[in-house]
Amino acid sequence: MAGFIRTLEAQTVPVAEFDERLWGAMVDYVTVGVDKRLTVVFRDGTGMDG
């Protein structure tokens, strides 16, 4: 989480589009289920189904 915060603090302009550095700083991994649903697991261990 500290790396994510440092990355955000280094931004000089608001985030208006996808930024792979921010993605990599906060996401640990993504899994795709047999039903093609995505599960995103963040570096702090929390997850989100989508």
N, C-alpha and C. Protein backbone atom coordinates (compact mmCIF):
# COMPACT_ATOMS: atom_id res chain seq x y z
N MET A 1 0.82 -1.18 0.00
CA MET A 1 0.00 0.00 0.00
C MET A 1 0.87 1.25 0.00
N ALA A 2 1.99 1.20 0.68
CA ALA A 2 2.88 2.36 0.73
C ALA A 2 3.39 2.71 -0.67
N GLY A 3 3.69 1.69 -1.48
CA GLY A 3 4.13 1.95 -2.84
C GLY A 3 3.06 2.62 -3.66
N PHE A 4 1.82 2.21 -3.47
CA PHE A 4 0.69 2.82 -4.17
C PHE A 4 0.57 4.29 -3.78
N ILE A 5 0.67 4.58 -2.50
CA ILE A 5 0.56 5.96 -2.03
C ILE A 5 1.70 6.81 -2.58
N ARG A 6 2.91 6.28 -2.58
CA ARG A 6 4.05 7.02 -3.15
C ARG A 6 3.82 7.31 -4.63
N THR A 7 3.28 6.33 -5.35
CA THR A 7 3.01 6.52 -6.78
C THR A 7 1.97 7.61 -6.99
N LEU A 8 0.91 7.60 -6.17
CA LEU A 8 -0.11 8.64 -6.28
C LEU A 8 0.46 10.01 -5.95
N GLU A 9 1.28 10.09 -4.92
CA GLU A 9 1.86 11.37 -4.53
C GLU A 9 2.77 11.93 -5.61
N ALA A 10 3.35 11.07 -6.43
CA ALA A 10 4.26 11.51 -7.49
C ALA A 10 3.51 12.05 -8.70
N GLN A 11 2.19 11.85 -8.76
CA GLN A 11 1.40 12.34 -9.89
C GLN A 11 1.39 13.87 -9.87
N THR A 12 1.63 14.47 -11.01
CA THR A 12 1.61 15.93 -11.08
C THR A 12 0.29 16.48 -11.61
N VAL A 13 -0.52 15.59 -12.20
CA VAL A 13 -1.83 15.98 -12.72
C VAL A 13 -2.84 14.92 -12.28
N PRO A 14 -4.13 15.26 -12.25
CA PRO A 14 -5.14 14.27 -11.89
C PRO A 14 -5.11 13.08 -12.86
N VAL A 15 -5.45 11.91 -12.35
CA VAL A 15 -5.48 10.71 -13.18
C VAL A 15 -6.78 10.73 -13.98
N ALA A 16 -6.65 10.82 -15.31
CA ALA A 16 -7.82 10.92 -16.17
C ALA A 16 -8.00 9.71 -17.07
N GLU A 17 -6.99 8.84 -17.11
CA GLU A 17 -7.08 7.66 -17.96
C GLU A 17 -6.26 6.55 -17.32
N PHE A 18 -6.37 5.35 -17.90
CA PHE A 18 -5.67 4.20 -17.35
C PHE A 18 -4.18 4.47 -17.25
N ASP A 19 -3.60 4.12 -16.10
CA ASP A 19 -2.17 4.29 -15.86
C ASP A 19 -1.62 2.96 -15.35
N GLU A 20 -0.80 2.30 -16.15
CA GLU A 20 -0.33 0.97 -15.77
C GLU A 20 0.54 0.99 -14.53
N ARG A 21 1.21 2.10 -14.24
CA ARG A 21 2.00 2.18 -13.00
C ARG A 21 1.09 2.13 -11.77
N LEU A 22 -0.03 2.85 -11.83
CA LEU A 22 -0.97 2.82 -10.71
C LEU A 22 -1.61 1.44 -10.58
N TRP A 23 -1.98 0.86 -11.72
CA TRP A 23 -2.56 -0.49 -11.72
C TRP A 23 -1.60 -1.47 -11.05
N GLY A 24 -0.35 -1.45 -11.47
CA GLY A 24 0.65 -2.35 -10.92
C GLY A 24 0.95 -2.09 -9.45
N ALA A 25 0.77 -0.85 -9.02
CA ALA A 25 1.04 -0.50 -7.62
C ALA A 25 -0.06 -0.99 -6.69
N MET A 26 -1.29 -1.17 -7.20
CA MET A 26 -2.37 -1.54 -6.30
C MET A 26 -2.93 -2.95 -6.52
N VAL A 27 -2.72 -3.55 -7.70
CA VAL A 27 -3.30 -4.86 -7.98
C VAL A 27 -2.24 -5.94 -7.86
N ASP A 28 -2.56 -6.99 -7.09
CA ASP A 28 -1.66 -8.12 -6.95
C ASP A 28 -1.86 -9.09 -8.12
N TYR A 29 -3.12 -9.50 -8.34
CA TYR A 29 -3.41 -10.38 -9.47
C TYR A 29 -4.90 -10.35 -9.80
N VAL A 30 -5.22 -10.85 -11.00
CA VAL A 30 -6.60 -10.95 -11.48
C VAL A 30 -6.82 -12.39 -11.91
N THR A 31 -7.95 -12.96 -11.51
CA THR A 31 -8.30 -14.31 -11.97
C THR A 31 -9.57 -14.22 -12.82
N VAL A 32 -9.68 -15.13 -13.77
CA VAL A 32 -10.86 -15.22 -14.62
C VAL A 32 -11.52 -16.56 -14.33
N GLY A 33 -12.78 -16.52 -13.90
CA GLY A 33 -13.51 -17.74 -13.59
C GLY A 33 -14.04 -18.41 -14.84
N VAL A 34 -14.55 -19.63 -14.67
CA VAL A 34 -15.11 -20.36 -15.81
C VAL A 34 -16.31 -19.63 -16.42
N ASP A 35 -16.96 -18.79 -15.61
CA ASP A 35 -18.08 -17.99 -16.11
C ASP A 35 -17.62 -16.66 -16.71
N LYS A 36 -16.29 -16.50 -16.85
CA LYS A 36 -15.64 -15.32 -17.43
C LYS A 36 -15.75 -14.08 -16.56
N ARG A 37 -16.09 -14.27 -15.28
CA ARG A 37 -16.10 -13.16 -14.34
C ARG A 37 -14.70 -12.94 -13.81
N LEU A 38 -14.33 -11.68 -13.65
CA LEU A 38 -13.01 -11.32 -13.15
C LEU A 38 -13.04 -11.13 -11.64
N THR A 39 -11.99 -11.54 -10.99
CA THR A 39 -11.78 -11.24 -9.58
C THR A 39 -10.43 -10.53 -9.48
N VAL A 40 -10.47 -9.31 -8.96
CA VAL A 40 -9.25 -8.52 -8.79
C VAL A 40 -8.85 -8.62 -7.33
N VAL A 41 -7.61 -9.00 -7.06
CA VAL A 41 -7.10 -9.06 -5.70
C VAL A 41 -6.03 -7.98 -5.56
N PHE A 42 -6.26 -7.09 -4.59
CA PHE A 42 -5.37 -5.98 -4.39
C PHE A 42 -4.21 -6.39 -3.49
N ARG A 43 -3.17 -5.59 -3.47
CA ARG A 43 -1.95 -5.91 -2.72
C ARG A 43 -2.20 -6.01 -1.22
N ASP A 44 -3.28 -5.42 -0.73
CA ASP A 44 -3.58 -5.52 0.70
C ASP A 44 -4.38 -6.78 1.01
N GLY A 45 -4.63 -7.61 0.00
CA GLY A 45 -5.32 -8.88 0.21
C GLY A 45 -6.83 -8.83 -0.01
N THR A 46 -7.40 -7.65 -0.15
CA THR A 46 -8.83 -7.56 -0.41
C THR A 46 -9.11 -7.89 -1.86
N GLY A 47 -10.32 -8.31 -2.12
CA GLY A 47 -10.70 -8.68 -3.49
C GLY A 47 -11.97 -8.02 -3.92
N MET A 48 -12.21 -8.05 -5.22
CA MET A 48 -13.41 -7.46 -5.78
C MET A 48 -13.81 -8.25 -7.01
N ASP A 49 -15.05 -8.72 -7.03
CA ASP A 49 -15.58 -9.43 -8.19
C ASP A 49 -16.21 -8.43 -9.15
N GLY A 50 -16.09 -8.74 -10.42
CA GLY A 50 -16.67 -7.82 -11.39
C GLY A 50 -17.19 -8.53 -12.59
